[in-house]
N, C-alpha and C. Protein backbone atom coordinates (compact mmCIF):
# COMPACT_ATOMS: atom_id res chain seq x y z
N UNK A 1 -1.26 -18.51 -23.37
CA UNK A 1 -2.21 -17.02 -23.36
C UNK A 1 -1.66 -16.08 -22.72
N UNK A 2 -1.82 -14.59 -23.57
CA UNK A 2 -0.84 -14.07 -22.43
C UNK A 2 -2.05 -13.36 -21.36
N UNK A 3 -1.44 -13.20 -20.27
CA UNK A 3 -2.50 -12.37 -19.25
C UNK A 3 -2.73 -11.09 -19.56
N UNK A 4 -2.15 -10.33 -20.81
CA UNK A 4 -2.72 -9.13 -20.52
C UNK A 4 -3.68 -9.08 -22.08
N UNK A 5 -4.10 -10.07 -22.19
CA UNK A 5 -4.35 -10.12 -23.84
C UNK A 5 -5.90 -9.47 -24.06
N UNK A 6 -6.48 -9.24 -23.18
CA UNK A 6 -8.00 -8.75 -23.02
C UNK A 6 -7.87 -7.50 -22.57
N UNK A 7 -6.57 -6.26 -21.99
CA UNK A 7 -6.63 -5.50 -21.58
C UNK A 7 -6.71 -4.37 -22.69
N UNK A 8 -7.26 -3.29 -22.14
CA UNK A 8 -7.33 -2.19 -22.91
C UNK A 8 -7.06 -0.75 -22.30
N UNK A 9 -6.42 0.17 -22.99
CA UNK A 9 -5.90 1.21 -22.14
C UNK A 9 -6.84 2.02 -21.74
N UNK A 10 -6.58 2.49 -20.80
CA UNK A 10 -6.93 2.79 -19.68
C UNK A 10 -7.90 4.34 -20.17
N UNK A 11 -9.66 3.85 -20.08
CA UNK A 11 -9.95 5.13 -21.40
C UNK A 11 -10.54 5.91 -20.07
N UNK A 12 -10.83 5.50 -19.06
CA UNK A 12 -11.96 6.03 -17.95
C UNK A 12 -11.76 5.12 -16.76
N UNK A 13 -12.41 6.11 -15.27
CA UNK A 13 -12.06 5.63 -14.04
C UNK A 13 -13.51 4.83 -13.67
N UNK A 14 -13.29 3.90 -13.34
CA UNK A 14 -14.38 2.92 -12.79
C UNK A 14 -15.23 3.67 -11.55
N UNK A 15 -16.07 3.96 -11.21
CA UNK A 15 -17.08 4.62 -9.99
C UNK A 15 -16.07 3.71 -8.63
N UNK A 16 -16.30 4.45 -7.81
CA UNK A 16 -16.00 3.91 -6.79
C UNK A 16 -16.50 2.86 -6.01
N UNK A 17 -18.07 2.87 -6.37
CA UNK A 17 -19.19 1.96 -6.22
C UNK A 17 -18.41 0.48 -6.57
N UNK A 18 -17.83 0.34 -7.93
CA UNK A 18 -17.56 -0.59 -8.85
C UNK A 18 -15.69 -1.69 -7.92
N UNK A 19 -16.32 -2.18 -7.18
CA UNK A 19 -15.68 -2.77 -6.30
C UNK A 19 -15.46 -4.60 -6.95
N UNK A 20 -14.15 -5.31 -6.68
CA UNK A 20 -14.12 -6.37 -7.74
C UNK A 20 -15.34 -7.41 -7.08
N UNK A 21 -15.64 -7.42 -6.56
CA UNK A 21 -16.66 -8.10 -5.75
C UNK A 21 -18.11 -8.17 -6.74
N UNK A 22 -18.15 -6.85 -6.77
CA UNK A 22 -19.50 -6.66 -7.42
C UNK A 22 -19.29 -6.40 -8.80
N UNK A 23 -18.24 -6.82 -9.48
CA UNK A 23 -17.80 -6.68 -10.92
C UNK A 23 -17.64 -8.44 -11.30
N UNK A 24 -17.06 -8.88 -10.39
CA UNK A 24 -17.06 -10.61 -10.42
C UNK A 24 -18.39 -10.71 -10.53
N UNK A 25 -19.25 -10.34 -9.90
CA UNK A 25 -20.91 -10.92 -9.69
C UNK A 25 -21.69 -9.98 -11.16
N UNK A 26 -21.22 -9.06 -11.61
CA UNK A 26 -22.11 -8.40 -12.69
C UNK A 26 -21.26 -9.20 -14.07
N UNK A 27 -19.69 -10.29 -14.48
CA UNK A 27 -19.56 -10.74 -15.07
C UNK A 27 -20.21 -12.04 -15.19
N UNK A 28 -20.72 -12.72 -13.92
CA UNK A 28 -21.65 -13.74 -13.95
C UNK A 28 -22.90 -13.46 -14.47
N UNK A 29 -23.47 -12.29 -14.25
CA UNK A 29 -24.58 -12.26 -15.09
C UNK A 29 -24.60 -11.78 -16.35
N UNK A 30 -23.46 -10.97 -16.61
CA UNK A 30 -22.93 -10.94 -18.43
C UNK A 30 -22.96 -12.41 -19.00
N UNK A 31 -22.13 -13.28 -18.45
CA UNK A 31 -22.05 -14.76 -18.89
C UNK A 31 -23.83 -15.45 -18.89
N UNK A 32 -24.14 -14.93 -17.92
CA UNK A 32 -25.87 -16.03 -18.45
C UNK A 32 -26.82 -14.92 -19.51
N UNK A 33 -26.34 -13.77 -19.52
CA UNK A 33 -26.99 -13.00 -20.64
C UNK A 33 -25.99 -13.42 -22.23
N UNK A 34 -25.09 -13.71 -22.16
CA UNK A 34 -24.46 -14.22 -23.34
C UNK A 34 -24.71 -16.07 -23.56
N UNK A 35 -25.04 -16.85 -22.79
CA UNK A 35 -25.36 -18.13 -22.64
C UNK A 35 -27.38 -17.82 -23.04
N UNK A 36 -27.92 -16.86 -23.24
CA UNK A 36 -29.36 -16.40 -23.61
C UNK A 36 -29.18 -16.09 -24.76
N UNK A 37 -28.75 -15.37 -25.09
CA UNK A 37 -28.13 -14.90 -26.73
C UNK A 37 -27.94 -15.82 -27.53
N UNK A 38 -27.23 -16.48 -27.23
CA UNK A 38 -26.71 -17.85 -27.93
C UNK A 38 -27.99 -18.84 -28.26
N UNK A 39 -28.20 -18.94 -27.11
CA UNK A 39 -30.04 -19.83 -27.40
C UNK A 39 -30.46 -19.30 -28.64
N UNK A 40 -30.74 -17.78 -28.41
CA UNK A 40 -31.55 -17.22 -29.44
C UNK A 40 -30.72 -17.26 -30.84
N UNK A 41 -29.73 -17.20 -30.99
CA UNK A 41 -28.74 -17.41 -32.02
C UNK A 41 -29.15 -18.27 -33.15
N UNK A 42 -28.87 -19.05 -31.77
CA UNK A 42 -29.36 -20.63 -32.33
C UNK A 42 -30.79 -20.84 -32.89
N UNK A 43 -31.68 -20.47 -31.99
CA UNK A 43 -32.86 -20.76 -32.42
C UNK A 43 -33.48 -20.00 -33.77
N UNK A 44 -33.32 -18.82 -33.91
CA UNK A 44 -34.21 -17.89 -34.59
C UNK A 44 -33.16 -17.74 -36.04
N UNK A 45 -31.92 -17.29 -35.79
CA UNK A 45 -31.52 -17.30 -37.19
C UNK A 45 -31.59 -18.33 -38.26
N UNK A 46 -31.40 -18.58 -39.52
CA UNK A 46 -31.31 -19.22 -40.58
C UNK A 46 -29.81 -19.39 -41.32
N UNK A 47 -29.27 -18.40 -41.29
CA UNK A 47 -28.56 -18.26 -42.75
C UNK A 47 -26.60 -19.13 -41.50
N UNK A 48 -26.83 -19.89 -41.49
CA UNK A 48 -25.35 -20.96 -40.93
C UNK A 48 -24.39 -19.67 -40.75
N UNK A 49 -24.08 -19.20 -41.62
CA UNK A 49 -22.73 -18.22 -41.68
C UNK A 49 -22.28 -17.36 -40.61
N UNK A 50 -24.07 -16.83 -40.76
CA UNK A 50 -24.31 -15.74 -39.75
C UNK A 50 -24.12 -16.48 -38.36
N UNK A 51 -25.18 -17.58 -37.96
CA UNK A 51 -24.79 -18.05 -37.07
C UNK A 51 -23.72 -18.59 -36.06
N UNK A 52 -22.94 -18.84 -37.25
CA UNK A 52 -21.95 -19.57 -36.53
C UNK A 52 -20.78 -18.25 -35.94
N UNK A 53 -20.74 -16.70 -37.00
CA UNK A 53 -20.16 -16.44 -36.57
C UNK A 53 -20.25 -15.17 -35.34
N UNK A 54 -22.02 -15.53 -35.46
CA UNK A 54 -22.30 -14.57 -34.23
C UNK A 54 -21.78 -15.47 -32.73
N UNK A 55 -22.05 -16.78 -32.50
CA UNK A 55 -21.62 -17.59 -31.93
C UNK A 55 -20.96 -17.53 -31.15
N UNK A 56 -19.30 -17.77 -32.58
CA UNK A 56 -18.05 -17.21 -32.08
C UNK A 56 -17.88 -15.80 -31.56
N UNK A 57 -18.42 -14.98 -32.08
CA UNK A 57 -18.45 -13.85 -30.87
C UNK A 57 -18.77 -13.83 -29.47
N UNK A 58 -20.24 -14.65 -29.23
CA UNK A 58 -20.62 -14.58 -28.17
C UNK A 58 -19.59 -15.50 -27.10
N UNK A 59 -19.03 -16.47 -27.82
CA UNK A 59 -17.93 -17.49 -27.23
C UNK A 59 -16.96 -16.55 -26.80
N UNK A 60 -15.99 -15.83 -27.62
CA UNK A 60 -15.11 -15.45 -27.56
C UNK A 60 -15.36 -14.22 -26.31
N UNK A 61 -16.24 -13.47 -26.03
CA UNK A 61 -16.55 -12.30 -25.29
C UNK A 61 -16.72 -13.24 -23.84
N UNK A 62 -17.72 -14.30 -24.35
CA UNK A 62 -17.59 -15.00 -23.11
C UNK A 62 -16.28 -15.50 -22.23
N UNK A 63 -15.47 -15.88 -23.08
CA UNK A 63 -14.11 -16.40 -22.31
C UNK A 63 -13.40 -15.27 -21.97
N UNK A 64 -13.32 -14.41 -22.58
CA UNK A 64 -12.80 -12.77 -22.09
C UNK A 64 -13.25 -12.26 -20.60
N UNK A 65 -14.91 -12.83 -20.29
CA UNK A 65 -15.47 -12.17 -19.36
C UNK A 65 -15.35 -13.23 -18.32
N UNK A 66 -14.55 -14.45 -18.62
CA UNK A 66 -14.99 -15.67 -17.25
C UNK A 66 -13.60 -15.66 -17.25
N UNK A 67 -12.17 -15.44 -17.94
CA UNK A 67 -10.71 -14.56 -17.42
C UNK A 67 -10.90 -13.62 -16.29
N UNK A 68 -11.49 -12.72 -16.99
CA UNK A 68 -11.29 -11.27 -15.89
C UNK A 68 -11.97 -11.49 -14.64
N UNK A 69 -13.07 -12.51 -14.85
CA UNK A 69 -13.87 -12.65 -13.79
C UNK A 69 -12.92 -13.84 -12.19
N UNK A 70 -12.33 -14.27 -13.34
CA UNK A 70 -11.05 -15.38 -12.27
C UNK A 70 -10.21 -14.30 -11.57
N UNK A 71 -9.70 -13.08 -12.81
CA UNK A 71 -8.32 -12.33 -12.00
C UNK A 71 -9.56 -11.75 -11.15
N UNK A 72 -10.62 -10.92 -10.86
CA UNK A 72 -11.07 -10.20 -9.63
C UNK A 72 -11.04 -10.72 -8.44
N UNK A 73 -11.45 -12.04 -9.01
CA UNK A 73 -11.56 -12.75 -7.09
C UNK A 73 -10.10 -13.06 -6.41
N UNK A 74 -8.98 -12.69 -7.43
CA UNK A 74 -7.61 -12.97 -6.17
C UNK A 74 -6.82 -11.38 -6.20
N UNK A 75 -7.30 -10.60 -6.84
CA UNK A 75 -6.61 -9.16 -7.22
C UNK A 75 -6.66 -8.36 -5.79
N UNK A 76 -7.04 -8.29 -4.87
CA UNK A 76 -7.73 -7.99 -4.02
C UNK A 76 -6.38 -8.35 -2.95
N UNK A 77 -5.86 -9.19 -3.22
CA UNK A 77 -4.72 -9.42 -2.09
C UNK A 77 -3.64 -8.63 -2.33
N UNK A 78 -3.36 -8.26 -3.85
CA UNK A 78 -1.79 -7.99 -4.07
C UNK A 78 -2.22 -6.17 -4.10
N UNK A 79 -2.90 -5.49 -4.52
CA UNK A 79 -4.04 -4.47 -4.46
C UNK A 79 -3.89 -3.50 -6.01
N UNK A 80 -4.27 -4.33 -6.83
CA UNK A 80 -4.26 -4.28 -8.05
C UNK A 80 -4.95 -4.80 -8.88
N UNK A 81 -6.30 -4.36 -8.73
CA UNK A 81 -7.11 -4.87 -9.80
C UNK A 81 -7.41 -4.27 -10.96
N UNK A 82 -7.96 -5.19 -12.09
CA UNK A 82 -8.18 -4.39 -13.26
C UNK A 82 -9.47 -5.56 -14.07
N UNK A 83 -10.11 -4.60 -14.74
CA UNK A 83 -11.17 -5.18 -15.45
C UNK A 83 -10.80 -4.96 -16.82
N UNK A 84 -10.37 -5.59 -17.68
CA UNK A 84 -10.05 -4.91 -18.91
C UNK A 84 -9.55 -3.72 -19.21
N UNK A 85 -8.36 -4.04 -18.11
CA UNK A 85 -7.20 -2.74 -18.35
C UNK A 85 -7.89 -1.59 -17.48
N UNK A 86 -9.00 -1.51 -16.70
CA UNK A 86 -9.71 -0.22 -16.37
C UNK A 86 -9.07 -0.71 -14.82
N UNK A 87 -8.53 0.28 -13.89
CA UNK A 87 -8.39 0.20 -12.68
C UNK A 87 -9.47 0.31 -12.07
N UNK A 88 -9.52 -1.04 -11.01
CA UNK A 88 -10.80 -0.94 -10.13
C UNK A 88 -10.57 -0.83 -8.89
N UNK A 89 -10.65 0.25 -7.62
CA UNK A 89 -10.46 0.38 -6.50
C UNK A 89 -10.54 -0.89 -5.76
N UNK A 90 -9.99 -0.93 -4.39
CA UNK A 90 -10.39 -1.84 -3.32
C UNK A 90 -10.77 -0.97 -2.28
N UNK A 91 -11.69 -1.75 -1.58
CA UNK A 91 -12.66 -1.32 -0.62
C UNK A 91 -11.70 -1.49 0.80
N UNK A 92 -11.51 -0.56 1.25
CA UNK A 92 -10.54 -1.17 2.61
C UNK A 92 -11.09 -2.41 3.48
N UNK A 93 -12.09 -2.68 3.52
CA UNK A 93 -12.92 -3.88 4.18
C UNK A 93 -12.37 -4.94 3.62
N UNK A 94 -12.07 -4.81 2.22
CA UNK A 94 -11.69 -6.47 1.69
C UNK A 94 -10.28 -6.64 1.88
N UNK A 95 -9.42 -5.21 1.85
CA UNK A 95 -8.12 -5.84 2.48
C UNK A 95 -7.30 -4.21 2.56
N UNK A 96 -7.06 -4.07 4.06
CA UNK A 96 -7.14 -2.83 4.51
C UNK A 96 -5.52 -1.97 4.54
N UNK A 97 -4.62 -3.32 4.37
CA UNK A 97 -3.37 -2.78 3.55
C UNK A 97 -3.47 -2.25 2.23
N UNK A 98 -4.34 -2.02 1.58
CA UNK A 98 -4.50 -1.12 -0.17
C UNK A 98 -4.54 0.06 0.21
N UNK A 99 -4.96 0.77 1.60
CA UNK A 99 -5.02 2.23 1.88
C UNK A 99 -3.54 2.64 2.24
N UNK A 100 -3.13 2.10 2.67
CA UNK A 100 -1.73 2.44 3.05
C UNK A 100 -0.75 2.86 2.25
N UNK A 101 -0.86 3.22 0.89
CA UNK A 101 0.19 3.57 0.08
C UNK A 101 -0.15 4.89 -0.48
């Protein structure tokens, strides 16, 4: 699978407070919300085709979030963090070398 499979074009700049650690934690929260959505879909939807399609969508988004979360955990070392193609600022306390550019 390509490393850039989930990258989107640079649409906007993320705020400076959105550092890699915060975004990794937010991704985990997103995964929990997706699991809850999957439970609700399985519990309340009756049509099997719609149920399967929505579960497939939830699983696909979940894999995307998980992949990006893993990438955010290690990207501060090389000073090039992105979240779905959007650049993420690395705070100087996480890697002081990133500010010397």
